Amino acid sequence: MTPQRAIAVLLAVSCAATPVTQDRAPGSVLGNIEASADLDGAPVGTSTAPATVVVVFASWCQHCKVELAVLASLRAAHPRIRILGISYKPHEEYAARGSETALRAYVAASAPWLRVIAADDALFTALGRPPKVPTIYVFDHAGALAAQYDRRQRRMPDAEELGALLVRLGG
């Protein structure tokens, strides 16, 4: 084999390789989320998605139901993005409104496509301890926070607004 042929083969193989997932900086918000496990105990891990949308929600929250419907429509329109849900136990059990059983039933009925992480105090602190649900975070492919939506500061985004952001992020 000639040196030129060897280089051509090497380039062809390296260009066809599976994309490598993005390693996150230790302590980054998305890195903390990806280091967590989902409700079934499976590690979340990194992703090659151009954007990750994270929604902090509770099974009893009416605003959350509306926002999950928005995220479901985004999922259909932008299949390359990753959407994760985060449930914080004190929020879920607020005023005895929910439990892990209620959470699982809610997700199965309302958003069976949603991968849910049960946040511990460390993860909830990394998220900035959002006091209201839902709160939405959008991260770019590198794990940088691109947007955060919090009901205390403004109305929650609709599908058009979130969709435009996802297009800008490559989703």
N, C-alpha and C. Protein backbone atom coordinates (compact mmCIF):
# COMPACT_ATOMS: atom_id res chain seq x y z
N MET A 1 0.85 -1.16 0.00
CA MET A 1 0.00 0.00 0.00
C MET A 1 0.90 1.23 0.00
N THR A 2 0.55 2.18 -0.84
CA THR A 2 1.33 3.41 -0.92
C THR A 2 1.01 4.31 0.27
N PRO A 3 1.91 5.20 0.61
CA PRO A 3 1.64 6.12 1.72
C PRO A 3 0.38 6.97 1.48
N GLN A 4 0.16 7.38 0.23
CA GLN A 4 -1.04 8.18 -0.07
C GLN A 4 -2.31 7.36 0.16
N ARG A 5 -2.27 6.08 -0.22
CA ARG A 5 -3.43 5.20 -0.03
C ARG A 5 -3.68 4.97 1.47
N ALA A 6 -2.63 4.78 2.24
CA ALA A 6 -2.76 4.58 3.68
C ALA A 6 -3.38 5.81 4.34
N ILE A 7 -2.95 6.99 3.93
CA ILE A 7 -3.53 8.23 4.47
C ILE A 7 -5.00 8.34 4.09
N ALA A 8 -5.33 8.01 2.85
CA ALA A 8 -6.72 8.07 2.40
C ALA A 8 -7.60 7.12 3.20
N VAL A 9 -7.11 5.90 3.46
CA VAL A 9 -7.87 4.93 4.25
C VAL A 9 -8.04 5.44 5.68
N LEU A 10 -6.97 5.95 6.26
CA LEU A 10 -7.03 6.47 7.62
C LEU A 10 -8.02 7.63 7.72
N LEU A 11 -8.01 8.53 6.77
CA LEU A 11 -8.96 9.65 6.77
C LEU A 11 -10.39 9.16 6.61
N ALA A 12 -10.60 8.19 5.75
CA ALA A 12 -11.96 7.66 5.54
C ALA A 12 -12.49 7.01 6.81
N VAL A 13 -11.65 6.24 7.48
CA VAL A 13 -12.07 5.57 8.71
C VAL A 13 -12.33 6.59 9.81
N SER A 14 -11.45 7.57 9.98
CA SER A 14 -11.63 8.54 11.06
C SER A 14 -12.83 9.44 10.81
N CYS A 15 -13.13 9.77 9.57
CA CYS A 15 -14.29 10.61 9.27
C CYS A 15 -15.60 9.85 9.46
N ALA A 16 -15.57 8.54 9.34
CA ALA A 16 -16.78 7.74 9.48
C ALA A 16 -17.01 7.28 10.91
N ALA A 17 -16.11 7.62 11.80
CA ALA A 17 -16.22 7.16 13.19
C ALA A 17 -17.46 7.74 13.86
N THR A 18 -17.95 7.01 14.83
CA THR A 18 -19.09 7.47 15.62
C THR A 18 -18.69 8.70 16.41
N PRO A 19 -19.56 9.73 16.46
CA PRO A 19 -19.20 10.92 17.21
C PRO A 19 -18.96 10.60 18.69
N VAL A 20 -18.00 11.27 19.26
CA VAL A 20 -17.67 11.07 20.67
C VAL A 20 -18.57 11.98 21.49
N THR A 21 -19.06 11.48 22.61
CA THR A 21 -19.89 12.31 23.47
C THR A 21 -19.04 13.38 24.13
N GLN A 22 -19.68 14.46 24.48
CA GLN A 22 -19.01 15.62 25.06
C GLN A 22 -18.75 15.39 26.55
N ASP A 23 -17.50 15.51 26.97
CA ASP A 23 -17.21 15.48 28.41
C ASP A 23 -17.50 16.87 28.97
N ARG A 24 -18.10 16.92 30.13
CA ARG A 24 -18.46 18.19 30.75
C ARG A 24 -17.43 18.56 31.80
N ALA A 25 -17.30 19.84 32.01
CA ALA A 25 -16.41 20.30 33.08
C ALA A 25 -16.96 19.82 34.42
N PRO A 26 -16.09 19.32 35.29
CA PRO A 26 -16.56 18.90 36.62
C PRO A 26 -17.26 20.07 37.31
N GLY A 27 -18.40 19.79 37.89
CA GLY A 27 -19.15 20.83 38.58
C GLY A 27 -20.08 21.64 37.71
N SER A 28 -20.06 21.43 36.38
CA SER A 28 -20.99 22.16 35.53
C SER A 28 -22.40 21.64 35.80
N VAL A 29 -23.39 22.48 35.56
CA VAL A 29 -24.77 22.08 35.84
C VAL A 29 -25.14 20.86 35.01
N LEU A 30 -24.91 20.91 33.70
CA LEU A 30 -25.26 19.75 32.87
C LEU A 30 -24.40 18.55 33.24
N GLY A 31 -23.14 18.78 33.61
CA GLY A 31 -22.29 17.68 34.06
C GLY A 31 -22.86 16.99 35.29
N ASN A 32 -23.40 17.78 36.22
CA ASN A 32 -24.03 17.20 37.42
C ASN A 32 -25.27 16.40 37.05
N ILE A 33 -26.05 16.89 36.12
CA ILE A 33 -27.24 16.17 35.68
C ILE A 33 -26.83 14.86 35.02
N GLU A 34 -25.84 14.92 34.14
CA GLU A 34 -25.40 13.72 33.41
C GLU A 34 -24.74 12.70 34.33
N ALA A 35 -24.22 13.14 35.46
CA ALA A 35 -23.61 12.22 36.42
C ALA A 35 -24.66 11.54 37.30
N SER A 36 -25.91 11.93 37.16
CA SER A 36 -27.00 11.38 37.96
C SER A 36 -27.54 10.10 37.33
N ALA A 37 -28.45 9.47 38.07
CA ALA A 37 -29.15 8.28 37.57
C ALA A 37 -30.63 8.63 37.39
N ASP A 38 -31.29 7.94 36.45
CA ASP A 38 -32.71 8.18 36.26
C ASP A 38 -33.53 7.40 37.29
N LEU A 39 -34.85 7.48 37.20
CA LEU A 39 -35.71 6.82 38.18
C LEU A 39 -35.50 5.31 38.25
N ASP A 40 -35.04 4.72 37.16
CA ASP A 40 -34.81 3.28 37.13
C ASP A 40 -33.39 2.90 37.55
N GLY A 41 -32.59 3.91 37.92
CA GLY A 41 -31.23 3.65 38.38
C GLY A 41 -30.18 3.64 37.29
N ALA A 42 -30.59 3.88 36.04
CA ALA A 42 -29.63 3.89 34.93
C ALA A 42 -28.90 5.23 34.89
N PRO A 43 -27.58 5.21 34.63
CA PRO A 43 -26.85 6.47 34.53
C PRO A 43 -27.36 7.30 33.35
N VAL A 44 -27.47 8.61 33.55
CA VAL A 44 -27.94 9.49 32.47
C VAL A 44 -26.88 9.58 31.39
N GLY A 45 -25.66 9.93 31.75
CA GLY A 45 -24.56 10.00 30.80
C GLY A 45 -24.65 11.19 29.86
N THR A 46 -23.61 11.32 29.04
CA THR A 46 -23.52 12.43 28.10
C THR A 46 -24.27 12.09 26.82
N SER A 47 -24.34 13.07 25.93
CA SER A 47 -25.10 12.92 24.70
C SER A 47 -24.42 13.70 23.58
N THR A 48 -24.66 13.28 22.36
CA THR A 48 -24.17 14.03 21.20
C THR A 48 -25.24 14.98 20.67
N ALA A 49 -26.35 15.11 21.39
CA ALA A 49 -27.45 15.99 20.96
C ALA A 49 -26.95 17.43 20.85
N PRO A 50 -27.47 18.19 19.89
CA PRO A 50 -27.06 19.58 19.75
C PRO A 50 -27.56 20.47 20.89
N ALA A 51 -28.57 20.01 21.61
CA ALA A 51 -29.09 20.77 22.75
C ALA A 51 -29.75 19.80 23.72
N THR A 52 -29.75 20.18 24.99
CA THR A 52 -30.44 19.42 26.03
C THR A 52 -31.39 20.37 26.74
N VAL A 53 -32.65 19.96 26.82
CA VAL A 53 -33.67 20.72 27.55
C VAL A 53 -33.95 19.96 28.84
N VAL A 54 -33.91 20.66 29.95
CA VAL A 54 -34.17 20.06 31.26
C VAL A 54 -35.35 20.79 31.89
N VAL A 55 -36.34 20.04 32.33
CA VAL A 55 -37.50 20.64 33.00
C VAL A 55 -37.58 20.10 34.42
N VAL A 56 -37.62 21.02 35.39
CA VAL A 56 -37.85 20.66 36.78
C VAL A 56 -39.36 20.73 36.98
N PHE A 57 -39.96 19.62 37.42
CA PHE A 57 -41.42 19.54 37.49
C PHE A 57 -41.86 18.70 38.67
N ALA A 58 -43.17 18.70 38.91
CA ALA A 58 -43.79 17.84 39.93
C ALA A 58 -45.08 17.27 39.34
N SER A 59 -45.45 16.09 39.78
CA SER A 59 -46.62 15.41 39.20
C SER A 59 -47.93 16.14 39.46
N TRP A 60 -48.00 16.94 40.50
CA TRP A 60 -49.24 17.63 40.86
C TRP A 60 -49.36 19.02 40.24
N CYS A 61 -48.34 19.47 39.55
CA CYS A 61 -48.25 20.85 39.06
C CYS A 61 -49.00 21.03 37.73
N GLN A 62 -50.02 21.89 37.73
CA GLN A 62 -50.80 22.15 36.51
C GLN A 62 -49.97 22.88 35.45
N HIS A 63 -49.13 23.83 35.86
CA HIS A 63 -48.27 24.53 34.90
C HIS A 63 -47.31 23.54 34.23
N CYS A 64 -46.87 22.54 35.00
CA CYS A 64 -45.95 21.54 34.46
C CYS A 64 -46.61 20.72 33.36
N LYS A 65 -47.88 20.40 33.52
CA LYS A 65 -48.60 19.63 32.50
C LYS A 65 -48.62 20.39 31.18
N VAL A 66 -48.86 21.69 31.27
CA VAL A 66 -48.86 22.53 30.06
C VAL A 66 -47.48 22.53 29.43
N GLU A 67 -46.45 22.70 30.25
CA GLU A 67 -45.08 22.78 29.71
C GLU A 67 -44.62 21.44 29.15
N LEU A 68 -45.02 20.34 29.76
CA LEU A 68 -44.66 19.02 29.21
C LEU A 68 -45.32 18.80 27.85
N ALA A 69 -46.52 19.33 27.65
CA ALA A 69 -47.16 19.24 26.33
C ALA A 69 -46.37 20.05 25.30
N VAL A 70 -45.87 21.22 25.71
CA VAL A 70 -45.02 22.03 24.82
C VAL A 70 -43.76 21.24 24.47
N LEU A 71 -43.14 20.62 25.47
CA LEU A 71 -41.91 19.85 25.22
C LEU A 71 -42.19 18.64 24.34
N ALA A 72 -43.36 18.03 24.48
CA ALA A 72 -43.71 16.90 23.61
C ALA A 72 -43.78 17.34 22.16
N SER A 73 -44.35 18.52 21.91
CA SER A 73 -44.42 19.01 20.53
C SER A 73 -43.03 19.36 20.01
N LEU A 74 -42.17 19.88 20.88
CA LEU A 74 -40.79 20.17 20.48
C LEU A 74 -40.03 18.90 20.15
N ARG A 75 -40.28 17.89 20.93
CA ARG A 75 -39.62 16.60 20.70
C ARG A 75 -39.94 16.08 19.30
N ALA A 76 -41.19 16.23 18.89
CA ALA A 76 -41.59 15.78 17.56
C ALA A 76 -40.97 16.65 16.47
N ALA A 77 -40.91 17.95 16.70
CA ALA A 77 -40.38 18.88 15.69
C ALA A 77 -38.86 18.92 15.64
N HIS A 78 -38.22 18.56 16.74
CA HIS A 78 -36.75 18.62 16.84
C HIS A 78 -36.24 17.29 17.43
N PRO A 79 -36.28 16.22 16.67
CA PRO A 79 -35.96 14.90 17.22
C PRO A 79 -34.51 14.72 17.66
N ARG A 80 -33.62 15.62 17.28
CA ARG A 80 -32.21 15.47 17.66
C ARG A 80 -31.92 16.01 19.06
N ILE A 81 -32.84 16.75 19.66
CA ILE A 81 -32.57 17.29 21.00
C ILE A 81 -32.83 16.23 22.06
N ARG A 82 -32.27 16.45 23.22
CA ARG A 82 -32.50 15.57 24.36
C ARG A 82 -33.31 16.35 25.39
N ILE A 83 -34.34 15.70 25.91
CA ILE A 83 -35.18 16.32 26.93
C ILE A 83 -35.14 15.44 28.17
N LEU A 84 -34.82 16.05 29.30
CA LEU A 84 -34.75 15.35 30.58
C LEU A 84 -35.66 16.03 31.58
N GLY A 85 -36.26 15.26 32.45
CA GLY A 85 -37.09 15.80 33.52
C GLY A 85 -36.39 15.61 34.85
N ILE A 86 -36.57 16.56 35.74
CA ILE A 86 -36.00 16.45 37.08
C ILE A 86 -37.12 16.65 38.09
N SER A 87 -37.21 15.70 38.99
CA SER A 87 -38.18 15.77 40.08
C SER A 87 -37.40 15.84 41.39
N TYR A 88 -37.69 16.87 42.17
CA TYR A 88 -37.02 17.05 43.45
C TYR A 88 -37.99 16.58 44.53
N LYS A 89 -37.55 15.62 45.34
CA LYS A 89 -38.44 14.96 46.29
C LYS A 89 -39.25 15.93 47.16
N PRO A 90 -38.63 16.95 47.79
CA PRO A 90 -39.45 17.88 48.57
C PRO A 90 -40.51 18.61 47.74
N HIS A 91 -40.22 18.89 46.46
CA HIS A 91 -41.24 19.48 45.60
C HIS A 91 -42.33 18.45 45.30
N GLU A 92 -41.91 17.23 44.99
CA GLU A 92 -42.88 16.18 44.65
C GLU A 92 -43.80 15.90 45.83
N GLU A 93 -43.27 15.91 47.03
CA GLU A 93 -44.06 15.57 48.21
C GLU A 93 -44.64 16.80 48.92
N TYR A 94 -44.56 17.96 48.29
CA TYR A 94 -45.04 19.20 48.89
C TYR A 94 -46.50 19.05 49.32
N ALA A 95 -46.77 19.36 50.58
CA ALA A 95 -48.12 19.30 51.15
C ALA A 95 -48.78 17.94 50.88
N ALA A 96 -47.98 16.88 50.90
CA ALA A 96 -48.47 15.51 50.70
C ALA A 96 -49.21 15.34 49.38
N ARG A 97 -48.77 16.08 48.35
CA ARG A 97 -49.45 16.03 47.05
C ARG A 97 -48.97 14.90 46.16
N GLY A 98 -47.77 14.39 46.37
CA GLY A 98 -47.24 13.39 45.46
C GLY A 98 -46.31 12.42 46.16
N SER A 99 -45.84 11.46 45.38
CA SER A 99 -44.92 10.44 45.87
C SER A 99 -44.21 9.87 44.65
N GLU A 100 -43.27 8.95 44.88
CA GLU A 100 -42.61 8.32 43.73
C GLU A 100 -43.62 7.55 42.89
N THR A 101 -44.59 6.91 43.53
CA THR A 101 -45.62 6.17 42.80
C THR A 101 -46.45 7.13 41.94
N ALA A 102 -46.84 8.26 42.52
CA ALA A 102 -47.61 9.26 41.76
C ALA A 102 -46.78 9.81 40.61
N LEU A 103 -45.50 10.04 40.85
CA LEU A 103 -44.61 10.55 39.82
C LEU A 103 -44.51 9.57 38.65
N ARG A 104 -44.28 8.30 38.95
CA ARG A 104 -44.17 7.29 37.89
C ARG A 104 -45.48 7.17 37.10
N ALA A 105 -46.61 7.21 37.80
CA ALA A 105 -47.91 7.12 37.12
C ALA A 105 -48.13 8.35 36.24
N TYR A 106 -47.76 9.52 36.74
CA TYR A 106 -47.92 10.75 35.98
C TYR A 106 -47.08 10.72 34.70
N VAL A 107 -45.82 10.33 34.83
CA VAL A 107 -44.94 10.28 33.66
C VAL A 107 -45.45 9.24 32.66
N ALA A 108 -45.87 8.09 33.13
CA ALA A 108 -46.38 7.04 32.24
C ALA A 108 -47.61 7.53 31.47
N ALA A 109 -48.46 8.32 32.11
CA ALA A 109 -49.68 8.79 31.46
C ALA A 109 -49.47 10.06 30.63
N SER A 110 -48.63 10.97 31.11
CA SER A 110 -48.50 12.29 30.48
C SER A 110 -47.30 12.45 29.56
N ALA A 111 -46.21 11.80 29.89
CA ALA A 111 -44.96 12.01 29.14
C ALA A 111 -44.12 10.74 29.17
N PRO A 112 -44.61 9.64 28.57
CA PRO A 112 -43.86 8.39 28.64
C PRO A 112 -42.49 8.46 27.96
N TRP A 113 -42.28 9.46 27.14
CA TRP A 113 -41.01 9.67 26.44
C TRP A 113 -39.97 10.35 27.33
N LEU A 114 -40.40 10.91 28.47
CA LEU A 114 -39.52 11.72 29.31
C LEU A 114 -38.67 10.85 30.24
N ARG A 115 -37.38 11.04 30.17
CA ARG A 115 -36.47 10.38 31.09
C ARG A 115 -36.35 11.26 32.32
N VAL A 116 -36.67 10.70 33.50
CA VAL A 116 -36.77 11.49 34.72
C VAL A 116 -35.65 11.14 35.69
N ILE A 117 -35.09 12.18 36.28
CA ILE A 117 -34.05 12.07 37.29
C ILE A 117 -34.64 12.54 38.61
N ALA A 118 -34.49 11.75 39.64
CA ALA A 118 -34.90 12.17 40.99
C ALA A 118 -33.73 12.94 41.59
N ALA A 119 -33.88 14.24 41.72
CA ALA A 119 -32.78 15.09 42.18
C ALA A 119 -32.57 14.97 43.68
N ASP A 120 -31.30 14.83 44.06
CA ASP A 120 -30.95 14.92 45.48
C ASP A 120 -30.63 16.40 45.78
N ASP A 121 -30.28 16.70 47.02
CA ASP A 121 -29.99 18.09 47.38
C ASP A 121 -28.82 18.67 46.61
N ALA A 122 -27.79 17.86 46.34
CA ALA A 122 -26.62 18.36 45.62
C ALA A 122 -26.99 18.78 44.20
N LEU A 123 -27.77 17.96 43.51
CA LEU A 123 -28.18 18.30 42.15
C LEU A 123 -29.12 19.51 42.18
N PHE A 124 -30.03 19.54 43.12
CA PHE A 124 -30.96 20.66 43.21
C PHE A 124 -30.21 21.96 43.48
N THR A 125 -29.17 21.90 44.30
CA THR A 125 -28.35 23.07 44.57
C THR A 125 -27.60 23.49 43.30
N ALA A 126 -27.07 22.53 42.54
CA ALA A 126 -26.38 22.84 41.29
C ALA A 126 -27.31 23.56 40.31
N LEU A 127 -28.60 23.25 40.38
CA LEU A 127 -29.59 23.90 39.51
C LEU A 127 -29.97 25.30 40.01
N GLY A 128 -29.44 25.71 41.15
CA GLY A 128 -29.77 27.01 41.70
C GLY A 128 -31.00 26.99 42.60
N ARG A 129 -31.43 25.80 43.01
CA ARG A 129 -32.57 25.60 43.90
C ARG A 129 -33.81 26.34 43.41
N PRO A 130 -34.27 26.04 42.20
CA PRO A 130 -35.44 26.75 41.67
C PRO A 130 -36.65 26.59 42.60
N PRO A 131 -37.25 27.71 43.04
CA PRO A 131 -38.35 27.63 44.00
C PRO A 131 -39.70 27.29 43.38
N LYS A 132 -39.82 27.41 42.09
CA LYS A 132 -41.10 27.14 41.43
C LYS A 132 -40.93 26.09 40.36
N VAL A 133 -41.99 25.32 40.17
CA VAL A 133 -42.04 24.39 39.05
C VAL A 133 -43.15 24.84 38.12
N PRO A 134 -42.97 24.71 36.82
CA PRO A 134 -41.76 24.21 36.20
C PRO A 134 -40.70 25.29 36.07
N THR A 135 -39.47 24.87 36.00
CA THR A 135 -38.34 25.69 35.59
C THR A 135 -37.67 24.93 34.47
N ILE A 136 -37.31 25.64 33.40
CA ILE A 136 -36.70 25.00 32.23
C ILE A 136 -35.31 25.57 32.01
N TYR A 137 -34.37 24.66 31.74
CA TYR A 137 -33.00 25.01 31.38
C TYR A 137 -32.74 24.47 29.98
N VAL A 138 -32.06 25.25 29.15
CA VAL A 138 -31.66 24.78 27.82
C VAL A 138 -30.14 24.92 27.74
N PHE A 139 -29.47 23.80 27.45
CA PHE A 139 -28.01 23.77 27.34
C PHE A 139 -27.62 23.53 25.90
N ASP A 140 -26.52 24.15 25.46
CA ASP A 140 -26.02 23.88 24.11
C ASP A 140 -25.23 22.58 24.10
N HIS A 141 -24.70 22.21 22.93
CA HIS A 141 -24.00 20.92 22.79
C HIS A 141 -22.77 20.80 23.68
N ALA A 142 -22.18 21.93 24.05
CA ALA A 142 -20.99 21.92 24.89
C ALA A 142 -21.33 21.92 26.38
N GLY A 143 -22.61 22.03 26.71
CA GLY A 143 -23.03 22.02 28.10
C GLY A 143 -23.20 23.39 28.72
N ALA A 144 -23.03 24.45 27.91
CA ALA A 144 -23.23 25.81 28.43
C ALA A 144 -24.72 26.12 28.51
N LEU A 145 -25.11 26.83 29.54
CA LEU A 145 -26.50 27.22 29.70
C LEU A 145 -26.84 28.28 28.65
N ALA A 146 -27.80 27.96 27.78
CA ALA A 146 -28.21 28.89 26.73
C ALA A 146 -29.41 29.72 27.17
N ALA A 147 -30.28 29.14 28.01
CA ALA A 147 -31.47 29.87 28.47
C ALA A 147 -32.02 29.19 29.72
N GLN A 148 -32.67 29.98 30.54
CA GLN A 148 -33.37 29.47 31.71
C GLN A 148 -34.70 30.19 31.80
N TYR A 149 -35.76 29.43 32.02
CA TYR A 149 -37.10 30.00 32.12
C TYR A 149 -37.66 29.66 33.49
N ASP A 150 -38.05 30.70 34.21
CA ASP A 150 -38.52 30.57 35.58
C ASP A 150 -39.82 31.37 35.70
N ARG A 151 -40.88 30.77 36.17
CA ARG A 151 -42.18 31.44 36.25
C ARG A 151 -42.17 32.69 37.14
N ARG A 152 -41.20 32.82 38.02
CA ARG A 152 -41.15 34.02 38.87
C ARG A 152 -40.80 35.25 38.05
N GLN A 153 -40.05 35.06 36.97
CA GLN A 153 -39.52 36.19 36.23
C GLN A 153 -40.26 36.48 34.94
N ARG A 154 -40.97 35.49 34.39
CA ARG A 154 -41.65 35.68 33.11
C ARG A 154 -42.56 34.49 32.85
N ARG A 155 -43.39 34.62 31.84
CA ARG A 155 -44.24 33.49 31.46
C ARG A 155 -43.35 32.38 30.91
N MET A 156 -43.85 31.17 30.97
CA MET A 156 -43.08 30.05 30.43
C MET A 156 -43.08 30.13 28.91
N PRO A 157 -42.03 29.65 28.26
CA PRO A 157 -41.94 29.76 26.80
C PRO A 157 -42.92 28.82 26.10
N ASP A 158 -43.40 29.26 24.93
CA ASP A 158 -44.24 28.39 24.13
C ASP A 158 -43.35 27.62 23.15
N ALA A 159 -43.97 26.76 22.36
CA ALA A 159 -43.21 25.91 21.43
C ALA A 159 -42.47 26.74 20.39
N GLU A 160 -43.06 27.84 19.97
CA GLU A 160 -42.41 28.68 18.96
C GLU A 160 -41.12 29.30 19.50
N GLU A 161 -41.19 29.84 20.70
CA GLU A 161 -40.01 30.46 21.31
C GLU A 161 -38.91 29.43 21.57
N LEU A 162 -39.26 28.31 22.17
CA LEU A 162 -38.26 27.27 22.42
C LEU A 162 -37.73 26.69 21.12
N GLY A 163 -38.61 26.51 20.14
CA GLY A 163 -38.19 25.97 18.84
C GLY A 163 -37.17 26.87 18.17
N ALA A 164 -37.39 28.19 18.22
CA ALA A 164 -36.44 29.13 17.62
C ALA A 164 -35.08 29.03 18.30
N LEU A 165 -35.08 28.91 19.62
CA LEU A 165 -33.81 28.75 20.34
C LEU A 165 -33.12 27.45 19.93
N LEU A 166 -33.87 26.37 19.84
CA LEU A 166 -33.27 25.08 19.46
C LEU A 166 -32.69 25.13 18.05
N VAL A 167 -33.35 25.83 17.14
CA VAL A 167 -32.81 25.97 15.78
C VAL A 167 -31.47 26.71 15.84
N ARG A 168 -31.41 27.78 16.63
CA ARG A 168 -30.14 28.52 16.77
C ARG A 168 -29.04 27.64 17.35
N LEU A 169 -29.42 26.68 18.18
CA LEU A 169 -28.44 25.78 18.80
C LEU A 169 -28.11 24.57 17.93
N GLY A 170 -28.74 24.48 16.77
CA GLY A 170 -28.45 23.38 15.85
C GLY A 170 -29.38 22.20 15.96
N GLY A 171 -30.47 22.36 16.71
CA GLY A 171 -31.41 21.25 16.92
C GLY A 171 -32.50 21.17 15.98
